[in-house]
């Protein structure tokens, strides 16, 4: 690849006096995408954590970094092509965690090769990590795939591409096509101490455009994380796999071991203070797979937030068993005082045997009931959301009734029923593909709203209708009225948001001459007006 001549201005601005690596211009992109129907534009465009996390080490390595997050900027496909031509980057990188958006990601890489043919393309994220063997070929228009954690791998890859003749085979954590066959390099070790990573480059993103909703995750919602990975390996979940320890056997089969790591409270407070004071962010959506694993972190974080005087409210995914533990230790009360306003607990199933089959044995014995009861009796002002998985292999009408009965008993603020989905990287996906229940052409349907698998006793269409009927039993006028008249402002705002979005969707259905009661209308991805511009 022809290296760009060094730019004296860029060299002068490089940190620690380091020269730019051949004035390497790296472009990080979140391409245009359709969005889930039950999130409006104002709600849907929260910060993608990978963008500032990857931009920071690239900048520290002395590279000329540019970031385009097309969603909040309303950059459609034609405009994006023009931007890429203007920037003329040496490397274009993009990631994807969701199989649902795989086709748009591939569309993006194809476009890159058309408008910037000399640029190298790099893919990452959960979807490409788990299917690297599928996409490491010329047809994908991807020159290399980053497997797992990306900060160190992207820097090493760009440095290698900056010097002609250097071999990608020496860069750990990659898979690529070398012109004749696929090459998988040595496994990249996970970053041992997350505090050693540079502060996310929030200044390179349009922070004022994230979290603009008046009601959802308001005011000024933004994402953040303190931990990576998980201590469990639930068979339906692919999130833990990206940050897992990886070992390959001689046949190329990978063995994954769950791994959980956390930043220090000092480092997390530094990030929150920047978001709070510099960007005016007051509402945080923690994207950690399991936020509350370590009671020592939880306790220290709560104390520091209370002492700081910052007025925040935040949402997190929490394990029920850790909630019960922290309540007994007196930590949970401090977390609520520290801004905890909204939690999501993955209840998943009513039956212990189903939980075991999903490798979620640690939830057996009614621990989710205990956790939710704690909030209902002691912290009723916290918005409690619970998810239930429907359509497991042994699903039938009787087991569905058990899910409904449990949801009614728990009586949380928002119960969400989702069909089990064979996400790439999970045992469920491997089995479904092996048995011919799905094909890799089905990814566009992997929206966690539309069933894609039959059970032993029900077809996916029957499961879909059952899901619609189940949700109607909970999301109704009585439920809505209870929320709209809540004395808790955060809860009231959540229900106002739901009412607003529902009304807009119904109006859109009428405009399109679609029956507003048709369940399929609420499962179809929405194309923004600027999508093709």
Protein backbone atom coordinates (compact mmCIF):
# COMPACT_ATOMS: atom_id res chain seq x y z
CA UNK A 1 0.00 0.00 0.00
CA UNK A 2 1.31 3.47 -0.85
CA UNK A 3 1.97 5.36 2.39
CA UNK A 4 0.74 8.96 2.67
CA UNK A 5 3.58 11.51 3.04
CA UNK A 6 3.86 12.84 6.60
CA UNK A 7 1.93 16.02 7.32
CA UNK A 8 4.12 18.44 9.34
CA UNK A 9 1.08 19.88 11.13
CA UNK A 10 -0.03 16.43 12.23
CA UNK A 11 3.45 15.50 13.39
CA UNK A 12 3.58 18.61 15.54
CA UNK A 13 0.28 17.73 17.21
CA UNK A 14 1.18 14.13 18.00
CA UNK A 15 1.17 13.25 21.74
CA UNK A 16 4.50 12.95 23.62
CA UNK A 17 6.31 14.27 20.58
CA UNK A 18 5.67 11.06 18.64
CA UNK A 19 5.39 11.44 14.88
CA UNK A 20 2.27 10.27 13.13
CA UNK A 21 2.73 6.74 11.79
CA UNK A 22 3.26 7.62 8.15
CA UNK A 23 0.43 10.15 8.61
CA UNK A 24 -1.82 7.07 8.69
CA UNK A 25 -5.40 8.26 8.32
CA UNK A 26 -7.85 5.94 10.10
CA UNK A 27 -11.61 6.32 9.78
CA UNK A 28 -13.93 4.69 12.33
CA UNK A 29 -17.53 4.43 11.16
CA UNK A 30 -20.91 3.46 12.54
CA UNK A 31 -22.81 3.18 9.22
CA UNK A 32 -26.45 4.16 8.65
CA UNK A 33 -28.93 1.59 9.90
CA UNK A 34 -32.59 1.01 10.31
CA UNK A 35 -33.70 1.06 13.92
CA UNK A 36 -35.92 -1.02 16.14
CA UNK A 37 -39.57 0.05 15.92
CA UNK A 38 -40.06 0.76 19.61
CA UNK A 39 -37.31 3.32 19.80
CA UNK A 40 -37.70 6.67 18.08
CA UNK A 41 -34.76 8.55 16.57
CA UNK A 42 -34.35 10.62 19.73
CA UNK A 43 -34.15 7.50 21.88
CA UNK A 44 -32.24 5.19 19.63
CA UNK A 45 -29.00 7.06 19.12
CA UNK A 46 -27.04 6.50 22.28
CA UNK A 47 -23.27 6.51 22.12
CA UNK A 48 -21.61 3.39 20.71
CA UNK A 49 -18.90 2.69 23.30
CA UNK A 50 -16.53 1.14 20.76
CA UNK A 51 -16.07 4.41 18.86
CA UNK A 52 -14.41 6.53 21.59
CA UNK A 53 -12.71 3.44 23.06
CA UNK A 54 -10.94 2.65 19.76
CA UNK A 55 -10.32 6.23 18.69
CA UNK A 56 -8.32 7.01 21.84
CA UNK A 57 -5.49 4.47 21.47
CA UNK A 58 -5.24 5.18 17.75
CA UNK A 59 -4.79 8.87 18.49
CA UNK A 60 -2.27 8.11 21.23
CA UNK A 61 -0.33 6.03 18.70
CA UNK A 62 0.05 9.17 16.58
CA UNK A 63 -2.48 8.43 13.86
CA UNK A 64 -4.78 10.85 12.10
CA UNK A 65 -8.12 9.58 13.41
CA UNK A 66 -11.60 10.50 12.18
CA UNK A 67 -14.90 9.19 13.55
CA UNK A 68 -18.28 9.17 11.80
CA UNK A 69 -21.33 8.03 13.75
CA UNK A 70 -23.92 8.24 11.01
CA UNK A 71 -27.00 7.80 13.18
CA UNK A 72 -26.99 11.01 15.26
CA UNK A 73 -25.40 12.98 12.40
CA UNK A 74 -28.11 11.83 9.96
CA UNK A 75 -25.54 10.77 7.39
CA UNK A 76 -27.23 8.53 4.82
CA UNK A 77 -25.57 6.12 2.46
CA UNK A 78 -24.92 8.61 -0.37
CA UNK A 79 -23.57 11.25 2.01
CA UNK A 80 -21.35 8.68 3.68
CA UNK A 81 -19.84 7.69 0.33
CA UNK A 82 -19.02 11.35 -0.34
CA UNK A 83 -17.44 11.77 3.11
CA UNK A 84 -15.23 8.74 2.62
CA UNK A 85 -14.06 10.01 -0.78
CA UNK A 86 -13.21 13.40 0.75
CA UNK A 87 -11.29 11.92 3.68
CA UNK A 88 -9.38 9.44 1.49
CA UNK A 89 -8.47 7.22 4.48
CA UNK A 90 -5.76 4.58 4.61
CA UNK A 91 -7.82 2.35 6.91
CA UNK A 92 -11.58 2.13 7.40
CA UNK A 93 -12.82 0.24 10.45
CA UNK A 94 -16.31 -0.67 11.56
CA UNK A 95 -17.81 -3.16 13.99
CA UNK A 96 -21.10 -4.93 14.53
CA UNK A 97 -22.45 -6.79 17.53
CA UNK A 98 -25.86 -7.73 16.14
CA UNK A 99 -26.58 -10.35 13.49
CA UNK A 100 -29.64 -8.25 12.66
CA UNK A 101 -27.43 -5.57 11.11
CA UNK A 102 -24.94 -7.86 9.39
CA UNK A 103 -26.31 -7.13 5.92
CA UNK A 104 -25.90 -3.37 6.45
CA UNK A 105 -22.35 -3.88 7.71
CA UNK A 106 -21.49 -5.87 4.58
CA UNK A 107 -23.12 -3.19 2.44
CA UNK A 108 -20.82 -0.69 4.10
CA UNK A 109 -17.62 -2.63 3.41
CA UNK A 110 -18.66 -3.16 -0.22
CA UNK A 111 -19.22 0.58 -0.57
CA UNK A 112 -15.80 1.29 0.95
CA UNK A 113 -14.06 -0.78 -1.70
CA UNK A 114 -15.99 1.07 -4.41
CA UNK A 115 -15.37 4.65 -3.24
CA UNK A 116 -11.96 4.20 -1.54
CA UNK A 117 -10.38 1.19 -3.27
CA UNK A 118 -6.89 1.77 -1.85
CA UNK A 119 -8.11 1.79 1.77
CA UNK A 120 -7.73 -1.27 3.96
CA UNK A 121 -10.92 -2.45 5.69
CA UNK A 122 -11.05 -3.80 9.24
CA UNK A 123 -14.11 -5.38 10.89
CA UNK A 124 -14.70 -6.09 14.56
CA UNK A 125 -17.37 -6.54 17.21
CA UNK A 126 -19.26 -9.57 18.45
CA UNK A 127 -20.82 -10.64 15.16
CA UNK A 128 -17.57 -10.62 13.19
CA UNK A 129 -15.63 -12.11 16.10
CA UNK A 130 -17.88 -15.15 16.26
CA UNK A 131 -18.18 -15.56 12.48
CA UNK A 132 -14.68 -14.57 11.42
CA UNK A 133 -14.36 -17.85 9.53
CA UNK A 134 -17.37 -16.89 7.42
CA UNK A 135 -16.25 -13.37 6.51
CA UNK A 136 -12.48 -13.74 6.11
CA UNK A 137 -12.62 -14.03 2.33
CA UNK A 138 -12.53 -11.71 -0.71
CA UNK A 139 -16.32 -11.74 -1.15
CA UNK A 140 -16.87 -9.86 2.13
CA UNK A 141 -14.68 -6.89 1.09
CA UNK A 142 -13.02 -7.08 4.51
CA UNK A 143 -9.22 -7.15 4.59
CA UNK A 144 -8.93 -8.28 8.23
CA UNK A 145 -11.19 -9.15 11.14
CA UNK A 146 -10.37 -8.27 14.74
CA UNK A 147 -11.29 -11.15 17.05
CA UNK A 148 -12.31 -10.12 20.56
CA UNK A 149 -11.15 -7.00 22.38
CA UNK A 150 -10.01 -4.37 19.92
CA UNK A 151 -7.95 -1.51 21.39
CA UNK A 152 -4.53 -3.13 21.04
CA UNK A 153 -5.33 -5.12 17.92
CA UNK A 154 -6.51 -2.13 15.87
CA UNK A 155 -3.38 -0.14 16.72
CA UNK A 156 -1.03 -3.01 15.83
CA UNK A 157 -2.93 -3.70 12.60
CA UNK A 158 -2.80 -0.07 11.46
CA UNK A 159 0.90 0.16 12.31
CA UNK A 160 1.53 -2.94 10.22
CA UNK A 161 -0.44 -1.59 7.28
CA UNK A 162 1.46 1.70 7.55
CA UNK A 163 4.70 -0.04 6.58
CA UNK A 164 4.86 -1.86 3.28
CA UNK A 165 5.98 -5.46 3.49
CA UNK A 166 5.06 -6.00 7.14
CA UNK A 167 3.22 -9.24 7.78
CA UNK A 168 -0.24 -9.27 9.42
CA UNK A 169 0.55 -12.78 10.64
CA UNK A 170 2.59 -11.17 13.44
CA UNK A 171 -0.44 -9.24 14.74
CA UNK A 172 -2.27 -11.18 17.44
CA UNK A 173 -6.07 -11.41 17.35
CA UNK A 174 -6.75 -11.34 13.61
CA UNK A 175 -8.26 -13.47 10.88
CA UNK A 176 -7.81 -12.58 7.23
CA UNK A 177 -7.48 -13.93 3.68
CA UNK A 178 -3.88 -13.98 2.47
CA UNK A 179 -4.74 -14.49 -1.20
CA UNK A 180 -4.92 -18.27 -1.03
CA UNK A 181 -6.37 -19.28 2.32
CA UNK A 182 -7.67 -18.01 5.66
CA UNK A 183 -5.08 -17.11 8.27
CA UNK A 184 -5.85 -16.92 11.98
CA UNK A 185 -3.07 -15.33 14.00
CA UNK A 186 -2.16 -16.01 17.61
CA UNK A 187 -4.87 -15.30 20.16
CA UNK A 188 -4.84 -11.77 21.51
CA UNK A 189 -4.65 -11.74 25.30
CA UNK A 190 -7.28 -9.67 27.06
CA UNK A 191 -6.17 -6.38 28.59
CA UNK A 192 -5.31 -7.33 32.16
CA UNK A 193 -5.81 -3.89 33.70
CA UNK A 194 -8.57 -1.81 32.08
CA UNK A 195 -7.25 1.31 33.80
CA UNK A 196 -4.23 1.20 31.46
CA UNK A 197 -6.46 1.96 28.48
CA UNK A 198 -6.63 5.65 27.51
CA UNK A 199 -9.67 7.73 28.39
CA UNK A 200 -12.36 7.30 25.72
CA UNK A 201 -12.09 10.00 23.05
CA UNK A 202 -15.49 11.54 23.73
CA UNK A 203 -14.26 14.79 22.19
CA UNK A 204 -14.23 13.12 18.77
CA UNK A 205 -17.95 12.32 18.91
CA UNK A 206 -21.01 14.61 18.60
CA UNK A 207 -21.83 14.25 22.29
CA UNK A 208 -24.55 16.92 22.13
CA UNK A 209 -26.58 14.71 19.78
CA UNK A 210 -26.76 11.64 22.02
CA UNK A 211 -29.63 11.05 24.42
CA UNK A 212 -31.85 13.89 23.18
CA UNK A 213 -35.09 12.24 24.29
CA UNK A 214 -37.17 14.30 26.71
CA UNK A 215 -38.37 11.19 28.54
CA UNK A 216 -36.23 8.09 27.93
CA UNK A 217 -32.89 7.98 29.80
CA UNK A 218 -33.24 11.70 30.34
CA UNK A 219 -31.72 14.22 30.77
CA UNK A 220 -28.81 13.82 28.39
CA UNK A 221 -28.53 10.06 28.24
CA UNK A 222 -25.24 8.41 27.37
CA UNK A 223 -23.73 4.95 27.60
CA UNK A 224 -20.83 4.01 29.85
CA UNK A 225 -19.27 0.81 31.19
CA UNK A 226 -17.05 -0.15 34.09
CA UNK A 227 -16.65 -3.88 33.37
CA UNK A 228 -16.20 -6.22 30.46
CA UNK A 229 -17.24 -9.82 30.05
CA UNK A 230 -19.18 -12.03 32.42
CA UNK A 231 -18.63 -14.73 35.02
CA UNK A 232 -21.28 -16.97 33.41
CA UNK A 233 -21.73 -18.64 30.04
CA UNK A 234 -25.49 -18.67 29.39
CA UNK A 235 -26.14 -20.70 26.26
CA UNK A 236 -28.45 -18.12 24.67
CA UNK A 237 -26.11 -15.15 25.18
CA UNK A 238 -23.25 -14.11 22.90
CA UNK A 239 -22.20 -11.00 24.80
CA UNK A 240 -19.82 -12.83 27.13
CA UNK A 241 -18.07 -14.60 24.24
CA UNK A 242 -16.38 -11.49 22.83
CA UNK A 243 -14.52 -10.81 26.07
CA UNK A 244 -13.83 -14.46 26.92
CA UNK A 245 -10.48 -16.23 27.10
CA UNK A 246 -9.93 -18.15 23.85
CA UNK A 247 -8.06 -21.37 23.20
CA UNK A 248 -7.97 -23.17 19.86
CA UNK A 249 -7.32 -26.86 19.33
CA UNK A 250 -5.39 -28.33 16.41
CA UNK A 251 -8.55 -28.47 14.30
CA UNK A 252 -9.29 -24.78 14.80
CA UNK A 253 -12.15 -25.31 17.25
CA UNK A 254 -12.33 -22.65 19.93
CA UNK A 255 -12.87 -23.16 23.64
CA UNK A 256 -14.22 -20.13 25.49
CA UNK A 257 -13.86 -19.46 29.20
CA UNK A 258 -15.87 -16.61 30.79
CA UNK A 259 -13.78 -13.73 32.06
CA UNK A 260 -14.91 -10.62 33.96
CA UNK A 261 -12.77 -7.52 34.51
CA UNK A 262 -13.53 -4.09 35.93
CA UNK A 263 -12.01 -0.65 35.90
CA UNK A 264 -11.17 0.87 39.26
CA UNK A 265 -13.64 3.20 40.91
CA UNK A 266 -11.09 6.03 40.50
CA UNK A 267 -11.04 5.52 36.74
CA UNK A 268 -14.84 5.24 36.49
CA UNK A 269 -15.32 8.43 38.49
CA UNK A 270 -12.90 10.20 36.15
CA UNK A 271 -15.04 9.21 33.17
CA UNK A 272 -18.31 10.15 34.86
CA UNK A 273 -16.96 13.56 35.88
CA UNK A 274 -15.96 14.26 32.27
CA UNK A 275 -19.38 13.22 30.99
CA UNK A 276 -21.15 15.16 33.73
CA UNK A 277 -19.25 18.43 33.76
CA UNK A 278 -17.90 18.70 30.21
CA UNK A 279 -20.84 17.24 28.27
CA UNK A 280 -23.75 17.80 30.64
CA UNK A 281 -24.71 14.16 30.82
CA UNK A 282 -26.89 13.34 33.82
CA UNK A 283 -28.43 9.99 32.85
CA UNK A 284 -26.27 6.91 32.26
CA UNK A 285 -27.01 3.63 30.53
CA UNK A 286 -24.46 1.11 31.77
CA UNK A 287 -23.85 -1.43 29.01
CA UNK A 288 -22.02 -3.94 31.21
CA UNK A 289 -23.30 -7.48 30.73
CA UNK A 290 -23.55 -7.84 34.52
CA UNK A 291 -23.05 -4.56 36.35
CA UNK A 292 -23.11 -5.72 39.97
CA UNK A 293 -20.73 -8.71 40.10
CA UNK A 294 -18.21 -7.31 42.60
CA UNK A 295 -19.64 -6.08 45.93
CA UNK A 296 -16.43 -4.20 46.74
CA UNK A 297 -16.71 -2.14 43.56
CA UNK A 298 -20.43 -1.59 44.14
CA UNK A 299 -19.90 -0.32 47.68
CA UNK A 300 -16.98 1.97 46.89
CA UNK A 301 -18.70 3.34 43.77
CA UNK A 302 -21.87 4.12 45.72
CA UNK A 303 -19.91 5.96 48.37
CA UNK A 304 -17.93 8.01 45.85
CA UNK A 305 -21.03 8.99 43.89
CA UNK A 306 -22.89 10.08 47.03
CA UNK A 307 -19.88 12.08 48.24
CA UNK A 308 -19.42 13.74 44.81
CA UNK A 309 -22.78 15.49 45.02
CA UNK A 310 -23.45 14.81 41.31
CA UNK A 311 -27.16 14.39 40.69
CA UNK A 312 -27.52 11.47 38.29
CA UNK A 313 -29.89 8.66 37.47
CA UNK A 314 -28.79 5.49 35.81
CA UNK A 315 -29.83 2.18 34.29
CA UNK A 316 -27.97 -1.14 34.57
CA UNK A 317 -28.32 -4.84 33.79
CA UNK A 318 -28.14 -6.61 37.16
CA UNK A 319 -27.92 -10.18 38.38
CA UNK A 320 -30.66 -11.09 40.85
CA UNK A 321 -28.42 -13.15 43.12
CA UNK A 322 -25.99 -10.23 43.43
CA UNK A 323 -28.89 -7.90 44.24
CA UNK A 324 -29.93 -10.13 47.15
CA UNK A 325 -26.32 -10.34 48.33
CA UNK A 326 -25.83 -6.56 48.22
CA UNK A 327 -29.09 -5.92 50.07
CA UNK A 328 -27.90 -8.13 52.91
CA UNK A 329 -24.60 -6.23 53.01
CA UNK A 330 -26.30 -2.81 53.04
CA UNK A 331 -24.78 -1.92 49.66
CA UNK A 332 -27.99 -1.81 47.61
CA UNK A 333 -29.47 1.04 49.64
CA UNK A 334 -26.34 3.10 48.97
CA UNK A 335 -26.50 2.34 45.23
CA UNK A 336 -30.08 3.63 45.11
CA UNK A 337 -28.97 6.81 46.87
CA UNK A 338 -26.13 7.03 44.33
CA UNK A 339 -28.56 7.36 41.42
CA UNK A 340 -29.81 3.88 40.56
CA UNK A 341 -33.18 4.61 38.94
CA UNK A 342 -33.79 1.73 36.51
CA UNK A 343 -32.63 -1.89 36.46
CA UNK A 344 -33.18 -4.84 34.18
CA UNK A 345 -33.16 -8.39 35.53
CA UNK A 346 -33.07 -11.36 33.18
CA UNK A 347 -35.62 -13.62 34.89
CA UNK A 348 -35.87 -15.66 31.65
CA UNK A 349 -37.87 -18.72 32.80
CA UNK A 350 -40.23 -19.80 35.57
CA UNK A 351 -38.97 -23.40 35.70
CA UNK A 352 -35.64 -24.36 37.25
CA UNK A 353 -35.07 -27.11 34.69
CA UNK A 354 -35.40 -24.59 31.85
CA UNK A 355 -32.91 -22.30 33.57
CA UNK A 356 -30.48 -25.21 33.83
CA UNK A 357 -30.88 -26.02 30.14
CA UNK A 358 -29.94 -22.40 29.37
CA UNK A 359 -26.86 -22.68 31.65
CA UNK A 360 -28.45 -20.19 34.04
CA UNK A 361 -28.44 -22.52 37.04
CA UNK A 362 -27.48 -19.73 39.44
CA UNK A 363 -31.02 -18.33 39.13
CA UNK A 364 -32.72 -21.47 40.40
CA UNK A 365 -34.69 -21.46 43.64
CA UNK A 366 -36.65 -18.26 43.10
CA UNK A 367 -33.75 -15.85 43.54
CA UNK A 368 -35.27 -13.47 40.96
CA UNK A 369 -38.46 -13.29 43.04
CA UNK A 370 -36.41 -12.33 46.08
CA UNK A 371 -34.55 -9.61 44.23
CA UNK A 372 -37.67 -8.05 42.73
CA UNK A 373 -39.51 -8.19 46.05
CA UNK A 374 -36.68 -6.19 47.63
CA UNK A 375 -37.26 -3.36 45.17
CA UNK A 376 -41.05 -3.48 45.44
CA UNK A 377 -41.04 -3.27 49.23
CA UNK A 378 -37.97 -1.14 50.02
CA UNK A 379 -37.14 0.80 46.82
CA UNK A 380 -40.46 1.18 44.97
CA UNK A 381 -39.25 4.33 43.19
CA UNK A 382 -36.74 2.29 41.14
CA UNK A 383 -38.10 1.25 37.73
CA UNK A 384 -37.81 -2.54 37.49
CA UNK A 385 -37.76 -4.23 34.12
CA UNK A 386 -37.64 -8.02 33.65
CA UNK A 387 -37.08 -10.15 30.58
CA UNK A 388 -38.55 -13.57 29.86
CA UNK A 389 -37.40 -15.94 27.12
CA UNK A 390 -40.10 -17.70 25.14
CA UNK A 391 -39.84 -20.48 22.59
CA UNK A 392 -37.24 -22.76 24.18
CA UNK A 393 -36.99 -26.28 22.81
CA UNK A 394 -39.57 -27.77 25.21
CA UNK A 395 -42.02 -24.82 24.97
CA UNK A 396 -45.75 -25.67 24.94
CA UNK A 397 -49.00 -23.99 25.94
CA UNK A 398 -48.66 -25.09 29.57
CA UNK A 399 -45.10 -23.78 29.92
CA UNK A 400 -46.21 -20.47 28.40
CA UNK A 401 -48.90 -20.18 31.03
CA UNK A 402 -46.20 -20.58 33.69
CA UNK A 403 -44.27 -17.65 32.23
CA UNK A 404 -47.39 -15.49 32.30
CA UNK A 405 -48.25 -16.56 35.85
CA UNK A 406 -44.75 -15.73 37.05
CA UNK A 407 -44.78 -12.34 35.34
CA UNK A 408 -48.11 -11.52 37.00
CA UNK A 409 -46.78 -12.62 40.36
CA UNK A 410 -43.63 -10.50 40.02
CA UNK A 411 -45.65 -7.48 38.84
CA UNK A 412 -42.65 -5.45 37.66
CA UNK A 413 -42.92 -2.09 35.94
CA UNK A 414 -42.23 -3.59 32.53
CA UNK A 415 -42.18 -7.33 31.72
CA UNK A 416 -40.69 -8.04 28.29
CA UNK A 417 -41.19 -11.38 26.55
CA UNK A 418 -38.66 -12.22 23.84
CA UNK A 419 -38.34 -15.26 21.58
CA UNK A 420 -35.14 -17.23 22.02
CA UNK A 421 -32.84 -16.30 19.15
CA UNK A 422 -29.87 -18.40 17.96
CA UNK A 423 -27.26 -15.65 18.02
CA UNK A 424 -23.92 -16.57 16.36
CA UNK A 425 -21.39 -17.57 18.97
CA UNK A 426 -23.86 -19.48 21.14
CA UNK A 427 -24.44 -23.25 21.43
CA UNK A 428 -28.04 -22.62 20.39
CA UNK A 429 -26.82 -21.13 17.11
CA UNK A 430 -24.43 -24.00 16.45
CA UNK A 431 -27.18 -26.56 17.03
CA UNK A 432 -29.74 -24.68 14.94
CA UNK A 433 -27.34 -24.35 12.02
CA UNK A 434 -26.18 -27.96 12.29
CA UNK A 435 -29.75 -29.29 12.36
CA UNK A 436 -30.87 -27.09 9.47
CA UNK A 437 -33.39 -25.11 11.55
CA UNK A 438 -31.91 -21.84 10.29
CA UNK A 439 -29.54 -20.64 7.60
CA UNK A 440 -27.11 -17.76 7.66
CA UNK A 441 -29.50 -15.96 5.31
CA UNK A 442 -31.90 -15.54 8.24
CA UNK A 443 -29.90 -12.90 10.13
CA UNK A 444 -32.24 -10.09 9.06
CA UNK A 445 -34.93 -11.72 11.25
CA UNK A 446 -32.80 -11.92 14.41
CA UNK A 447 -34.51 -8.96 16.09
CA UNK A 448 -35.54 -10.63 19.41
CA UNK A 449 -39.13 -9.81 18.44
CA UNK A 450 -39.81 -12.35 15.69
CA UNK A 451 -39.46 -16.07 16.54
CA UNK A 452 -37.09 -17.87 14.19
CA UNK A 453 -37.19 -21.36 15.78
CA UNK A 454 -39.93 -23.93 16.26
CA UNK A 455 -40.16 -25.70 19.61
CA UNK A 456 -40.90 -29.41 19.92
CA UNK A 457 -44.60 -28.63 20.30
CA UNK A 458 -45.18 -25.27 18.62
CA UNK A 459 -44.31 -23.67 15.30
CA UNK A 460 -42.55 -20.33 15.27
CA UNK A 461 -45.76 -18.72 13.98
CA UNK A 462 -47.68 -20.12 16.94
CA UNK A 463 -44.99 -18.86 19.29
CA UNK A 464 -45.21 -15.44 17.63
CA UNK A 465 -48.94 -15.23 18.18
CA UNK A 466 -48.53 -16.39 21.77
CA UNK A 467 -45.96 -13.64 22.35
CA UNK A 468 -48.38 -11.03 21.08
CA UNK A 469 -51.17 -12.36 23.31
CA UNK A 470 -48.84 -12.47 26.34
CA UNK A 471 -47.70 -8.89 25.91
CA UNK A 472 -51.30 -7.71 25.56
CA UNK A 473 -52.05 -9.09 29.02
CA UNK A 474 -49.49 -6.75 30.56
CA UNK A 475 -49.11 -3.75 28.28
CA UNK A 476 -52.65 -2.42 28.42
CA UNK A 477 -54.60 0.65 29.50
CA UNK A 478 -54.62 -0.34 33.18
CA UNK A 479 -50.83 -0.78 33.17
CA UNK A 480 -50.41 2.51 31.33
CA UNK A 481 -52.67 4.46 33.69
CA UNK A 482 -50.76 3.15 36.70
CA UNK A 483 -47.52 4.41 35.22
CA UNK A 484 -48.79 7.77 34.01
CA UNK A 485 -50.14 8.56 37.49
CA UNK A 486 -46.99 7.44 39.31
CA UNK A 487 -45.59 9.86 41.88
CA UNK A 488 -42.07 8.99 40.76
CA UNK A 489 -40.93 11.38 37.98
CA UNK A 490 -38.59 8.85 36.39
CA UNK A 491 -41.31 6.20 36.19
CA UNK A 492 -43.86 8.69 34.90
CA UNK A 493 -41.46 9.79 32.16
CA UNK A 494 -40.95 6.19 31.07
CA UNK A 495 -44.69 5.70 30.61
CA UNK A 496 -45.08 9.04 28.84
CA UNK A 497 -42.33 7.92 26.46
CA UNK A 498 -44.10 4.61 25.83
CA UNK A 499 -47.41 6.37 25.18
CA UNK A 500 -45.79 8.85 22.82
CA UNK A 501 -43.92 6.22 20.80
CA UNK A 502 -47.01 3.96 20.61
CA UNK A 503 -49.14 6.83 19.32
CA UNK A 504 -46.55 7.76 16.68
CA UNK A 505 -46.31 4.14 15.53
CA UNK A 506 -50.09 3.84 15.27
CA UNK A 507 -50.25 7.10 13.29
CA UNK A 508 -47.50 5.84 10.99
CA UNK A 509 -49.48 2.64 10.42
CA UNK A 510 -52.57 4.63 9.45
CA UNK A 511 -50.52 6.75 7.04
CA UNK A 512 -49.17 3.60 5.42
CA UNK A 513 -52.67 2.09 5.35
CA UNK A 514 -51.57 -0.71 7.65
CA UNK A 515 -53.79 -2.11 10.39
CA UNK A 516 -52.34 -0.59 13.62
CA UNK A 517 -53.26 -3.81 15.44
CA UNK A 518 -51.17 -5.93 13.07
CA UNK A 519 -48.33 -7.35 15.18
CA UNK A 520 -45.95 -7.50 12.21
CA UNK A 521 -46.04 -3.70 11.92
CA UNK A 522 -44.41 -3.45 15.36
CA UNK A 523 -41.64 -5.89 14.42
CA UNK A 524 -40.40 -4.29 11.22
CA UNK A 525 -37.27 -2.18 11.31
CA UNK A 526 -37.83 1.51 10.63
CA UNK A 527 -35.92 3.28 7.87
CA UNK A 528 -35.11 6.92 8.79
CA UNK A 529 -36.01 9.56 6.22
CA UNK A 530 -32.34 10.41 5.72
CA UNK A 531 -31.25 6.74 5.38
CA UNK A 532 -30.60 6.83 1.63
CA UNK A 533 -29.54 10.44 1.28
